[in-house]
Amino acid sequence: QVRAVESGGGVVQPGGSLTLSCAVSGMFLDRYVMEWYRQAPGKQREWVARITSGGMRSYADPVVGRFTISRDNNKNTMYLQMSSLKPEDTGLYYCNRDPEYGYMSWGQGTQVTVSS
């Protein structure tokens, strides 16, 4: 079964930094376009960042210049480096492969809370 396990979230003050990890099992990560998503309480899930198998990256406008997506194919793990965090970045963060392949089973996500 293809699964993703997110980790690395926590509570951070505005302006702080966090790095999230997404450990994938059941498939080779380097063969897929991968995505990060987030969902705030009472809101729909939104797309955050994307990385292709060739390493091309793209980001949602609110996180441009502050977030960096990366992957370690040897570890079959994807990362999201977040800096200059804002309260509006608060939410449950998920990773998945691009829906063109069909989503993996959704993980539990990892909670990011940005608050003073």
PDB file of N, CA and C in Angstrom:
ATOM      1  N   GLN A   1       0.842  -1.177   0.000  1.00  0.00           N
ATOM      2  CA  GLN A   1       0.000   0.000   0.000  1.00  0.00           C
ATOM      3  C   GLN A   1       0.888   1.241   0.000  1.00  0.00           C
ATOM      4  N   VAL A   2       0.543   2.201  -0.830  1.00  0.00           N
ATOM      5  CA  VAL A   2       1.291   3.440  -0.911  1.00  0.00           C
ATOM      6  C   VAL A   2       0.810   4.375   0.192  1.00  0.00           C
ATOM      7  N   ARG A   3       1.750   4.835   1.002  1.00  0.00           N
ATOM      8  CA  ARG A   3       1.417   5.684   2.137  1.00  0.00           C
ATOM      9  C   ARG A   3       2.425   6.811   2.287  1.00  0.00           C
ATOM     10  N   ALA A   4       1.981   7.889   2.930  1.00  0.00           N
ATOM     11  CA  ALA A   4       2.848   8.993   3.303  1.00  0.00           C
ATOM     12  C   ALA A   4       2.664   9.287   4.785  1.00  0.00           C
ATOM     13  N   VAL A   5       3.771   9.523   5.469  1.00  0.00           N
ATOM     14  CA  VAL A   5       3.755   9.865   6.882  1.00  0.00           C
ATOM     15  C   VAL A   5       4.439  11.206   7.059  1.00  0.00           C
ATOM     16  N   GLU A   6       3.679  12.197   7.503  1.00  0.00           N
ATOM     17  CA  GLU A   6       4.192  13.540   7.688  1.00  0.00           C
ATOM     18  C   GLU A   6       4.690  13.730   9.122  1.00  0.00           C
ATOM     19  N   SER A   7       5.724  14.541   9.280  1.00  0.00           N
ATOM     20  CA  SER A   7       6.254  14.833  10.602  1.00  0.00           C
ATOM     21  C   SER A   7       6.981  16.170  10.571  1.00  0.00           C
ATOM     22  N   GLY A   8       7.342  16.667  11.745  1.00  0.00           N
ATOM     23  CA  GLY A   8       8.151  17.867  11.853  1.00  0.00           C
ATOM     24  C   GLY A   8       7.403  19.122  12.241  1.00  0.00           C
ATOM     25  N   GLY A   9       6.093  19.046  12.356  1.00  0.00           N
ATOM     26  CA  GLY A   9       5.332  20.211  12.744  1.00  0.00           C
ATOM     27  C   GLY A   9       5.542  20.573  14.196  1.00  0.00           C
ATOM     28  N   GLY A  10       5.008  21.715  14.575  1.00  0.00           N
ATOM     29  CA  GLY A  10       5.132  22.181  15.937  1.00  0.00           C
ATOM     30  C   GLY A  10       4.558  23.568  16.093  1.00  0.00           C
ATOM     31  N   VAL A  11       4.819  24.157  17.237  1.00  0.00           N
ATOM     32  CA  VAL A  11       4.376  25.512  17.548  1.00  0.00           C
ATOM     33  C   VAL A  11       5.562  26.447  17.411  1.00  0.00           C
ATOM     34  N   VAL A  12       5.371  27.522  16.680  1.00  0.00           N
ATOM     35  CA  VAL A  12       6.449  28.468  16.436  1.00  0.00           C
ATOM     36  C   VAL A  12       5.892  29.884  16.444  1.00  0.00           C
ATOM     37  N   GLN A  13       6.706  30.840  16.863  1.00  0.00           N
ATOM     38  CA  GLN A  13       6.301  32.234  16.846  1.00  0.00           C
ATOM     39  C   GLN A  13       6.351  32.801  15.435  1.00  0.00           C
ATOM     40  N   PRO A  14       5.568  33.835  15.171  1.00  0.00           N
ATOM     41  CA  PRO A  14       5.669  34.492  13.864  1.00  0.00           C
ATOM     42  C   PRO A  14       7.116  34.869  13.554  1.00  0.00           C
ATOM     43  N   GLY A  15       7.513  34.636  12.314  1.00  0.00           N
ATOM     44  CA  GLY A  15       8.883  34.877  11.908  1.00  0.00           C
ATOM     45  C   GLY A  15       9.798  33.689  12.079  1.00  0.00           C
ATOM     46  N   GLY A  16       9.331  32.650  12.734  1.00  0.00           N
ATOM     47  CA  GLY A  16      10.133  31.473  12.970  1.00  0.00           C
ATOM     48  C   GLY A  16      10.184  30.537  11.782  1.00  0.00           C
ATOM     49  N   SER A  17      10.858  29.400  11.987  1.00  0.00           N
ATOM     50  CA  SER A  17      11.075  28.435  10.920  1.00  0.00           C
ATOM     51  C   SER A  17      10.772  27.021  11.383  1.00  0.00           C
ATOM     52  N   LEU A  18      10.363  26.189  10.442  1.00  0.00           N
ATOM     53  CA  LEU A  18      10.159  24.766  10.657  1.00  0.00           C
ATOM     54  C   LEU A  18      10.482  24.031   9.370  1.00  0.00           C
ATOM     55  N   THR A  19      10.903  22.778   9.495  1.00  0.00           N
ATOM     56  CA  THR A  19      11.082  21.911   8.348  1.00  0.00           C
ATOM     57  C   THR A  19      10.230  20.665   8.530  1.00  0.00           C
ATOM     58  N   LEU A  20       9.360  20.410   7.578  1.00  0.00           N
ATOM     59  CA  LEU A  20       8.486  19.252   7.607  1.00  0.00           C
ATOM     60  C   LEU A  20       9.070  18.133   6.760  1.00  0.00           C
ATOM     61  N   SER A  21       8.767  16.895   7.135  1.00  0.00           N
ATOM     62  CA  SER A  21       9.201  15.727   6.391  1.00  0.00           C
ATOM     63  C   SER A  21       7.999  14.899   5.970  1.00  0.00           C
ATOM     64  N   CYS A  22       8.144  14.238   4.838  1.00  0.00           N
ATOM     65  CA  CYS A  22       7.121  13.347   4.311  1.00  0.00           C
ATOM     66  C   CYS A  22       7.804  12.061   3.886  1.00  0.00           C
ATOM     67  N   ALA A  23       7.660  11.018   4.682  1.00  0.00           N
ATOM     68  CA  ALA A  23       8.251   9.723   4.380  1.00  0.00           C
ATOM     69  C   ALA A  23       7.246   8.886   3.610  1.00  0.00           C
ATOM     70  N   VAL A  24       7.642   8.448   2.427  1.00  0.00           N
ATOM     71  CA  VAL A  24       6.744   7.724   1.533  1.00  0.00           C
ATOM     72  C   VAL A  24       7.155   6.262   1.463  1.00  0.00           C
ATOM     73  N   SER A  25       6.178   5.385   1.504  1.00  0.00           N
ATOM     74  CA  SER A  25       6.407   3.958   1.338  1.00  0.00           C
ATOM     75  C   SER A  25       5.506   3.414   0.244  1.00  0.00           C
ATOM     76  N   GLY A  26       5.931   2.325  -0.389  1.00  0.00           N
ATOM     77  CA  GLY A  26       5.124   1.667  -1.395  1.00  0.00           C
ATOM     78  C   GLY A  26       5.332   2.157  -2.813  1.00  0.00           C
ATOM     79  N   MET A  27       6.196   3.111  -3.010  1.00  0.00           N
ATOM     80  CA  MET A  27       6.520   3.596  -4.346  1.00  0.00           C
ATOM     81  C   MET A  27       7.872   4.284  -4.320  1.00  0.00           C
ATOM     82  N   PHE A  28       8.474   4.436  -5.475  1.00  0.00           N
ATOM     83  CA  PHE A  28       9.730   5.167  -5.590  1.00  0.00           C
ATOM     84  C   PHE A  28       9.425   6.642  -5.800  1.00  0.00           C
ATOM     85  N   LEU A  29       9.856   7.454  -4.872  1.00  0.00           N
ATOM     86  CA  LEU A  29       9.517   8.870  -4.861  1.00  0.00           C
ATOM     87  C   LEU A  29      10.003   9.597  -6.105  1.00  0.00           C
ATOM     88  N   ASP A  30      11.132   9.190  -6.635  1.00  0.00           N
ATOM     89  CA  ASP A  30      11.724   9.911  -7.756  1.00  0.00           C
ATOM     90  C   ASP A  30      10.948   9.769  -9.055  1.00  0.00           C
ATOM     91  N   ARG A  31       9.938   8.936  -9.092  1.00  0.00           N
ATOM     92  CA  ARG A  31       9.168   8.725 -10.314  1.00  0.00           C
ATOM     93  C   ARG A  31       7.932   9.610 -10.403  1.00  0.00           C
ATOM     94  N   TYR A  32       7.684  10.433  -9.383  1.00  0.00           N
ATOM     95  CA  TYR A  32       6.416  11.140  -9.288  1.00  0.00           C
ATOM     96  C   TYR A  32       6.587  12.626  -9.035  1.00  0.00           C
ATOM     97  N   VAL A  33       5.645  13.398  -9.547  1.00  0.00           N
ATOM     98  CA  VAL A  33       5.458  14.770  -9.105  1.00  0.00           C
ATOM     99  C   VAL A  33       4.831  14.716  -7.710  1.00  0.00           C
ATOM    100  N   MET A  34       5.413  15.446  -6.771  1.00  0.00           N
ATOM    101  CA  MET A  34       4.956  15.414  -5.395  1.00  0.00           C
ATOM    102  C   MET A  34       4.482  16.789  -4.949  1.00  0.00           C
ATOM    103  N   GLU A  35       3.566  16.781  -3.992  1.00  0.00           N
ATOM    104  CA  GLU A  35       2.904  18.002  -3.563  1.00  0.00           C
ATOM    105  C   GLU A  35       2.842  18.088  -2.042  1.00  0.00           C
ATOM    106  N   TRP A  36       2.831  19.314  -1.534  1.00  0.00           N
ATOM    107  CA  TRP A  36       2.451  19.614  -0.160  1.00  0.00           C
ATOM    108  C   TRP A  36       1.125  20.365  -0.177  1.00  0.00           C
ATOM    109  N   TYR A  37       0.272  20.038   0.786  1.00  0.00           N
ATOM    110  CA  TYR A  37      -1.003  20.702   0.984  1.00  0.00           C
ATOM    111  C   TYR A  37      -1.135  21.100   2.444  1.00  0.00           C
ATOM    112  N   ARG A  38      -2.060  22.000   2.722  1.00  0.00           N
ATOM    113  CA  ARG A  38      -2.370  22.335   4.106  1.00  0.00           C
ATOM    114  C   ARG A  38      -3.857  22.622   4.242  1.00  0.00           C
ATOM    115  N   GLN A  39      -4.343  22.469   5.458  1.00  0.00           N
ATOM    116  CA  GLN A  39      -5.745  22.720   5.742  1.00  0.00           C
ATOM    117  C   GLN A  39      -5.869  23.392   7.100  1.00  0.00           C
ATOM    118  N   ALA A  40      -6.423  24.586   7.099  1.00  0.00           N
ATOM    119  CA  ALA A  40      -6.673  25.313   8.326  1.00  0.00           C
ATOM    120  C   ALA A  40      -8.057  24.958   8.856  1.00  0.00           C
ATOM    121  N   PRO A  41      -8.280  25.120  10.163  1.00  0.00           N
ATOM    122  CA  PRO A  41      -9.600  24.812  10.719  1.00  0.00           C
ATOM    123  C   PRO A  41     -10.702  25.585  10.007  1.00  0.00           C
ATOM    124  N   GLY A  42     -11.750  24.881   9.612  1.00  0.00           N
ATOM    125  CA  GLY A  42     -12.879  25.510   8.964  1.00  0.00           C
ATOM    126  C   GLY A  42     -12.671  25.867   7.513  1.00  0.00           C
ATOM    127  N   LYS A  43     -11.522  25.497   6.948  1.00  0.00           N
ATOM    128  CA  LYS A  43     -11.227  25.818   5.563  1.00  0.00           C
ATOM    129  C   LYS A  43     -10.958  24.550   4.764  1.00  0.00           C
ATOM    130  N   GLN A  44     -11.048  24.675   3.454  1.00  0.00           N
ATOM    131  CA  GLN A  44     -10.740  23.557   2.578  1.00  0.00           C
ATOM    132  C   GLN A  44      -9.230  23.386   2.445  1.00  0.00           C
ATOM    133  N   ARG A  45      -8.833  22.177   2.089  1.00  0.00           N
ATOM    134  CA  ARG A  45      -7.433  21.908   1.838  1.00  0.00           C
ATOM    135  C   ARG A  45      -6.938  22.756   0.675  1.00  0.00           C
ATOM    136  N   GLU A  46      -5.752  23.319   0.810  1.00  0.00           N
ATOM    137  CA  GLU A  46      -5.172  24.110  -0.257  1.00  0.00           C
ATOM    138  C   GLU A  46      -3.799  23.576  -0.635  1.00  0.00           C
ATOM    139  N   TRP A  47      -3.454  23.750  -1.882  1.00  0.00           N
ATOM    140  CA  TRP A  47      -2.157  23.358  -2.382  1.00  0.00           C
ATOM    141  C   TRP A  47      -1.096  24.362  -1.943  1.00  0.00           C
ATOM    142  N   VAL A  48       0.075  23.870  -1.584  1.00  0.00           N
ATOM    143  CA  VAL A  48       1.155  24.713  -1.084  1.00  0.00           C
ATOM    144  C   VAL A  48       2.363  24.717  -2.006  1.00  0.00           C
ATOM    145  N   ALA A  49       2.831  23.542  -2.416  1.00  0.00           N
ATOM    146  CA  ALA A  49       4.066  23.465  -3.192  1.00  0.00           C
ATOM    147  C   ALA A  49       4.119  22.173  -3.992  1.00  0.00           C
ATOM    148  N   ARG A  50       4.943  22.178  -5.035  1.00  0.00           N
ATOM    149  CA  ARG A  50       5.072  21.036  -5.924  1.00  0.00           C
ATOM    150  C   ARG A  50       6.518  20.868  -6.341  1.00  0.00           C
ATOM    151  N   ILE A  51       6.953  19.621  -6.494  1.00  0.00           N
ATOM    152  CA  ILE A  51       8.259  19.331  -7.044  1.00  0.00           C
ATOM    153  C   ILE A  51       8.127  18.168  -8.021  1.00  0.00           C
ATOM    154  N   THR A  52       8.707  18.311  -9.207  1.00  0.00           N
ATOM    155  CA  THR A  52       8.645  17.263 -10.212  1.00  0.00           C
ATOM    156  C   THR A  52       9.794  16.286 -10.027  1.00  0.00           C
ATOM    157  N   SER A  53       9.732  15.181 -10.760  1.00  0.00           N
ATOM    158  CA  SER A  53      10.812  14.205 -10.695  1.00  0.00           C
ATOM    159  C   SER A  53      12.129  14.799 -11.174  1.00  0.00           C
ATOM    160  N   GLY A  54      12.055  15.835 -12.027  1.00  0.00           N
ATOM    161  CA  GLY A  54      13.248  16.513 -12.500  1.00  0.00           C
ATOM    162  C   GLY A  54      13.704  17.648 -11.616  1.00  0.00           C
ATOM    163  N   GLY A  55      13.011  17.898 -10.514  1.00  0.00           N
ATOM    164  CA  GLY A  55      13.420  18.911  -9.561  1.00  0.00           C
ATOM    165  C   GLY A  55      12.855  20.296  -9.791  1.00  0.00           C
ATOM    166  N   MET A  56      11.934  20.459 -10.719  1.00  0.00           N
ATOM    167  CA  MET A  56      11.294  21.746 -10.915  1.00  0.00           C
ATOM    168  C   MET A  56      10.309  22.009  -9.790  1.00  0.00           C
ATOM    169  N   ARG A  57      10.326  23.225  -9.260  1.00  0.00           N
ATOM    170  CA  ARG A  57       9.529  23.574  -8.093  1.00  0.00           C
ATOM    171  C   ARG A  57       8.539  24.677  -8.417  1.00  0.00           C
ATOM    172  N   SER A  58       7.393  24.633  -7.764  1.00  0.00           N
ATOM    173  CA  SER A  58       6.422  25.703  -7.857  1.00  0.00           C
ATOM    174  C   SER A  58       5.715  25.839  -6.517  1.00  0.00           C
ATOM    175  N   TYR A  59       5.156  27.036  -6.267  1.00  0.00           N
ATOM    176  CA  TYR A  59       4.599  27.358  -4.967  1.00  0.00           C
ATOM    177  C   TYR A  59       3.319  28.154  -5.096  1.00  0.00           C
ATOM    178  N   ALA A  60       2.459  28.004  -4.102  1.00  0.00           N
ATOM    179  CA  ALA A  60       1.310  28.879  -3.990  1.00  0.00           C
ATOM    180  C   ALA A  60       1.784  30.288  -3.662  1.00  0.00           C
ATOM    181  N   ASP A  61       1.084  31.280  -4.179  1.00  0.00           N
ATOM    182  CA  ASP A  61       1.501  32.668  -4.002  1.00  0.00           C
ATOM    183  C   ASP A  61       1.775  33.063  -2.550  1.00  0.00           C
ATOM    184  N   PRO A  62       0.947  32.652  -1.586  1.00  0.00           N
ATOM    185  CA  PRO A  62       1.193  33.108  -0.210  1.00  0.00           C
ATOM    186  C   PRO A  62       2.508  32.640   0.403  1.00  0.00           C
ATOM    187  N   VAL A  63       3.138  31.608  -0.171  1.00  0.00           N
ATOM    188  CA  VAL A  63       4.351  31.076   0.432  1.00  0.00           C
ATOM    189  C   VAL A  63       5.592  31.319  -0.409  1.00  0.00           C
ATOM    190  N   VAL A  64       5.448  31.937  -1.560  1.00  0.00           N
ATOM    191  CA  VAL A  64       6.594  32.197  -2.421  1.00  0.00           C
ATOM    192  C   VAL A  64       7.645  33.012  -1.677  1.00  0.00           C
ATOM    193  N   GLY A  65       8.888  32.574  -1.767  1.00  0.00           N
ATOM    194  CA  GLY A  65       9.983  33.262  -1.117  1.00  0.00           C
ATOM    195  C   GLY A  65      10.201  32.863   0.319  1.00  0.00           C
ATOM    196  N   ARG A  66       9.282  32.115   0.898  1.00  0.00           N
ATOM    197  CA  ARG A  66       9.387  31.716   2.297  1.00  0.00           C
ATOM    198  C   ARG A  66       9.505  30.204   2.478  1.00  0.00           C
ATOM    199  N   PHE A  67       8.928  29.432   1.576  1.00  0.00           N
ATOM    200  CA  PHE A  67       8.938  27.973   1.663  1.00  0.00           C
ATOM    201  C   PHE A  67       9.811  27.394   0.555  1.00  0.00           C
ATOM    202  N   THR A  68      10.470  26.283   0.854  1.00  0.00           N
ATOM    203  CA  THR A  68      11.260  25.561  -0.131  1.00  0.00           C
ATOM    204  C   THR A  68      10.933  24.077  -0.064  1.00  0.00           C
ATOM    205  N   ILE A  69      10.516  23.511  -1.185  1.00  0.00           N
ATOM    206  CA  ILE A  69      10.228  22.087  -1.268  1.00  0.00           C
ATOM    207  C   ILE A  69      11.456  21.360  -1.806  1.00  0.00           C
ATOM    208  N   SER A  70      11.727  20.181  -1.284  1.00  0.00           N
ATOM    209  CA  SER A  70      12.858  19.386  -1.734  1.00  0.00           C
ATOM    210  C   SER A  70      12.559  17.912  -1.525  1.00  0.00           C
ATOM    211  N   ARG A  71      13.439  17.063  -2.036  1.00  0.00           N
ATOM    212  CA  ARG A  71      13.257  15.625  -1.867  1.00  0.00           C
ATOM    213  C   ARG A  71      14.610  14.939  -1.772  1.00  0.00           C
ATOM    214  N   ASP A  72      14.639  13.834  -1.051  1.00  0.00           N
ATOM    215  CA  ASP A  72      15.807  12.978  -0.949  1.00  0.00           C
ATOM    216  C   ASP A  72      15.366  11.614  -1.455  1.00  0.00           C
ATOM    217  N   ASN A  73      15.705  11.313  -2.690  1.00  0.00           N
ATOM    218  CA  ASN A  73      15.223  10.080  -3.306  1.00  0.00           C
ATOM    219  C   ASN A  73      15.792   8.836  -2.638  1.00  0.00           C
ATOM    220  N   ASN A  74      17.009   8.935  -2.124  1.00  0.00           N
ATOM    221  CA  ASN A  74      17.607   7.792  -1.438  1.00  0.00           C
ATOM    222  C   ASN A  74      16.829   7.434  -0.181  1.00  0.00           C
ATOM    223  N   LYS A  75      16.332   8.451   0.517  1.00  0.00           N
ATOM    224  CA  LYS A  75      15.549   8.234   1.728  1.00  0.00           C
ATOM    225  C   LYS A  75      14.060   8.113   1.441  1.00  0.00           C
ATOM    226  N   ASN A  76      13.675   8.323   0.185  1.00  0.00           N
ATOM    227  CA  ASN A  76      12.270   8.309  -0.207  1.00  0.00           C
ATOM    228  C   ASN A  76      11.450   9.276   0.657  1.00  0.00           C
ATOM    229  N   THR A  77      12.018  10.454   0.865  1.00  0.00           N
ATOM    230  CA  THR A  77      11.431  11.449   1.749  1.00  0.00           C
ATOM    231  C   THR A  77      11.415  12.814   1.077  1.00  0.00           C
ATOM    232  N   MET A  78      10.323  13.523   1.251  1.00  0.00           N
ATOM    233  CA  MET A  78      10.177  14.879   0.762  1.00  0.00           C
ATOM    234  C   MET A  78      10.161  15.833   1.947  1.00  0.00           C
ATOM    235  N   TYR A  79      10.586  17.074   1.719  1.00  0.00           N
ATOM    236  CA  TYR A  79      10.697  18.053   2.781  1.00  0.00           C
ATOM    237  C   TYR A  79      10.032  19.365   2.385  1.00  0.00           C
ATOM    238  N   LEU A  80       9.644  20.123   3.390  1.00  0.00           N
ATOM    239  CA  LEU A  80       9.173  21.479   3.196  1.00  0.00           C
ATOM    240  C   LEU A  80       9.839  22.360   4.238  1.00  0.00           C
ATOM    241  N   GLN A  81      10.786  23.175   3.794  1.00  0.00           N
ATOM    242  CA  GLN A  81      11.440  24.136   4.658  1.00  0.00           C
ATOM    243  C   GLN A  81      10.609  25.410   4.671  1.00  0.00           C
ATOM    244  N   MET A  82      10.246  25.852   5.860  1.00  0.00           N
ATOM    245  CA  MET A  82       9.392  27.013   6.019  1.00  0.00           C
ATOM    246  C   MET A  82      10.105  28.048   6.874  1.00  0.00           C
ATOM    247  N   SER A  83      10.126  29.272   6.414  1.00  0.00           N
ATOM    248  CA  SER A  83      10.727  30.366   7.157  1.00  0.00           C
ATOM    249  C   SER A  83       9.802  31.569   7.135  1.00  0.00           C
ATOM    250  N   SER A  84      10.125  32.556   7.969  1.00  0.00           N
ATOM    251  CA  SER A  84       9.302  33.762   8.079  1.00  0.00           C
ATOM    252  C   SER A  84       7.832  33.407   8.234  1.00  0.00           C
ATOM    253  N   LEU A  85       7.564  32.476   9.112  1.00  0.00           N
ATOM    254  CA  LEU A  85       6.212  31.953   9.255  1.00  0.00           C
ATOM    255  C   LEU A  85       5.249  33.008   9.780  1.00  0.00           C
ATOM    256  N   LYS A  86       4.028  32.935   9.288  1.00  0.00           N
ATOM    257  CA  LYS A  86       2.965  33.855   9.641  1.00  0.00           C
ATOM    258  C   LYS A  86       1.818  33.091  10.280  1.00  0.00           C
ATOM    259  N   PRO A  87       0.995  33.761  11.090  1.00  0.00           N
ATOM    260  CA  PRO A  87      -0.155  33.073  11.687  1.00  0.00           C
ATOM    261  C   PRO A  87      -1.048  32.394  10.649  1.00  0.00           C
ATOM    262  N   GLU A  88      -1.182  32.978   9.479  1.00  0.00           N
ATOM    263  CA  GLU A  88      -2.013  32.384   8.443  1.00  0.00           C
ATOM    264  C   GLU A  88      -1.428  31.113   7.840  1.00  0.00           C
ATOM    265  N   ASP A  89      -0.184  30.770   8.188  1.00  0.00           N
ATOM    266  CA  ASP A  89       0.398  29.499   7.782  1.00  0.00           C
ATOM    267  C   ASP A  89      -0.065  28.350   8.669  1.00  0.00           C
ATOM    268  N   THR A  90      -0.752  28.664   9.740  1.00  0.00           N
ATOM    269  CA  THR A  90      -1.226  27.642  10.668  1.00  0.00           C
ATOM    270  C   THR A  90      -2.158  26.665   9.965  1.00  0.00           C
ATOM    271  N   GLY A  91      -1.953  25.379  10.215  1.00  0.00           N
ATOM    272  CA  GLY A  91      -2.810  24.367   9.630  1.00  0.00           C
ATOM    273  C   GLY A  91      -2.200  22.987   9.735  1.00  0.00           C
ATOM    274  N   LEU A  92      -2.935  22.019   9.250  1.00  0.00           N
ATOM    275  CA  LEU A  92      -2.488  20.641   9.190  1.00  0.00           C
ATOM    276  C   LEU A  92      -1.892  20.412   7.806  1.00  0.00           C
ATOM    277  N   TYR A  93      -0.633  20.042   7.756  1.00  0.00           N
ATOM    278  CA  TYR A  93       0.094  19.905   6.495  1.00  0.00           C
ATOM    279  C   TYR A  93       0.166  18.453   6.062  1.00  0.00           C
ATOM    280  N   TYR A  94      -0.145  18.222   4.795  1.00  0.00           N
ATOM    281  CA  TYR A  94      -0.155  16.893   4.209  1.00  0.00           C
ATOM    282  C   TYR A  94       0.741  16.846   2.978  1.00  0.00           C
ATOM    283  N   CYS A  95       1.233  15.665   2.671  1.00  0.00           N
ATOM    284  CA  CYS A  95       1.915  15.463   1.405  1.00  0.00           C
ATOM    285  C   CYS A  95       1.205  14.387   0.609  1.00  0.00           C
ATOM    286  N   ASN A  96       1.387  14.428  -0.710  1.00  0.00           N
ATOM    287  CA  ASN A  96       0.811  13.421  -1.575  1.00  0.00           C
ATOM    288  C   ASN A  96       1.472  13.523  -2.947  1.00  0.00           C
ATOM    289  N   ARG A  97       1.258  12.520  -3.773  1.00  0.00           N
ATOM    290  CA  ARG A  97       1.695  12.612  -5.155  1.00  0.00           C
ATOM    291  C   ARG A  97       0.656  13.366  -5.954  1.00  0.00           C
ATOM    292  N   ASP A  98       1.049  13.837  -7.119  1.00  0.00           N
ATOM    293  CA  ASP A  98       0.131  14.582  -7.957  1.00  0.00           C
ATOM    294  C   ASP A  98      -1.090  13.730  -8.279  1.00  0.00           C
ATOM    295  N   PRO A  99      -2.281  14.347  -8.288  1.00  0.00           N
ATOM    296  CA  PRO A  99      -3.498  13.559  -8.508  1.00  0.00           C
ATOM    297  C   PRO A  99      -3.589  12.888  -9.865  1.00  0.00           C
ATOM    298  N   GLU A 100      -2.731  13.253 -10.825  1.00  0.00           N
ATOM    299  CA  GLU A 100      -2.771  12.569 -12.109  1.00  0.00           C
ATOM    300  C   GLU A 100      -2.490  11.082 -11.953  1.00  0.00           C
ATOM    301  N   TYR A 101      -1.771  10.688 -10.900  1.00  0.00           N
ATOM    302  CA  TYR A 101      -1.471   9.283 -10.650  1.00  0.00           C
ATOM    303  C   TYR A 101      -2.532   8.603  -9.791  1.00  0.00           C
ATOM    304  N   GLY A 102      -3.424   9.381  -9.264  1.00  0.00           N
ATOM    305  CA  GLY A 102      -4.274   8.934  -8.177  1.00  0.00           C
ATOM    306  C   GLY A 102      -3.566   9.191  -6.864  1.00  0.00           C
ATOM    307  N   TYR A 103      -4.249   9.803  -5.914  1.00  0.00           N
ATOM    308  CA  TYR A 103      -3.631  10.099  -4.631  1.00  0.00           C
ATOM    309  C   TYR A 103      -3.196   8.826  -3.916  1.00  0.00           C
ATOM    310  N   MET A 104      -2.115   8.953  -3.161  1.00  0.00           N
ATOM    311  CA  MET A 104      -1.775   7.945  -2.171  1.00  0.00           C
ATOM    312  C   MET A 104      -2.807   8.002  -1.054  1.00  0.00           C
ATOM    313  N   SER A 105      -2.812   6.996  -0.207  1.00  0.00           N
ATOM    314  CA  SER A 105      -3.612   7.096   1.008  1.00  0.00           C
ATOM    315  C   SER A 105      -3.138   8.311   1.796  1.00  0.00           C
ATOM    316  N   TRP A 106      -4.071   9.153   2.212  1.00  0.00           N
ATOM    317  CA  TRP A 106      -3.707  10.352   2.970  1.00  0.00           C
ATOM    318  C   TRP A 106      -3.186   9.978   4.347  1.00  0.00           C
ATOM    319  N   GLY A 107      -2.110  10.632   4.747  1.00  0.00           N
ATOM    320  CA  GLY A 107      -1.586  10.433   6.083  1.00  0.00           C
ATOM    321  C   GLY A 107      -2.347  11.237   7.103  1.00  0.00           C
ATOM    322  N   GLN A 108      -1.827  11.252   8.320  1.00  0.00           N
ATOM    323  CA  GLN A 108      -2.459  11.999   9.395  1.00  0.00           C
ATOM    324  C   GLN A 108      -2.137  13.485   9.344  1.00  0.00           C
ATOM    325  N   GLY A 109      -1.146  13.853   8.558  1.00  0.00           N
ATOM    326  CA  GLY A 109      -0.708  15.227   8.503  1.00  0.00           C
ATOM    327  C   GLY A 109       0.151  15.580   9.708  1.00  0.00           C
ATOM    328  N   THR A 110       0.754  16.758   9.652  1.00  0.00           N
ATOM    329  CA  THR A 110       1.513  17.266  10.785  1.00  0.00           C
ATOM    330  C   THR A 110       1.084  18.704  11.048  1.00  0.00           C
ATOM    331  N   GLN A 111       0.832  19.011  12.300  1.00  0.00           N
ATOM    332  CA  GLN A 111       0.256  20.296  12.671  1.00  0.00           C
ATOM    333  C   GLN A 111       1.331  21.368  12.777  1.00  0.00           C
ATOM    334  N   VAL A 112       1.084  22.483  12.121  1.00  0.00           N
ATOM    335  CA  VAL A 112       1.918  23.674  12.237  1.00  0.00           C
ATOM    336  C   VAL A 112       1.074  24.777  12.847  1.00  0.00           C
ATOM    337  N   THR A 113       1.526  25.312  13.962  1.00  0.00           N
ATOM    338  CA  THR A 113       0.824  26.396  14.625  1.00  0.00           C
ATOM    339  C   THR A 113       1.768  27.578  14.776  1.00  0.00           C
ATOM    340  N   VAL A 114       1.397  28.699  14.196  1.00  0.00           N
ATOM    341  CA  VAL A 114       2.206  29.912  14.245  1.00  0.00           C
ATOM    342  C   VAL A 114       1.455  30.922  15.099  1.00  0.00           C
ATOM    343  N   SER A 115       1.974  31.192  16.266  1.00  0.00           N
ATOM    344  CA  SER A 115       1.283  32.049  17.216  1.00  0.00           C
ATOM    345  C   SER A 115       2.272  32.636  18.200  1.00  0.00           C
ATOM    346  N   SER A 116       1.985  33.848  18.635  1.00  0.00           N
ATOM    347  CA  SER A 116       2.783  34.482  19.672  1.00  0.00           C
ATOM    348  C   SER A 116       2.230  34.202  21.053  1.00  0.00           C
TER     349      SER A 116
END
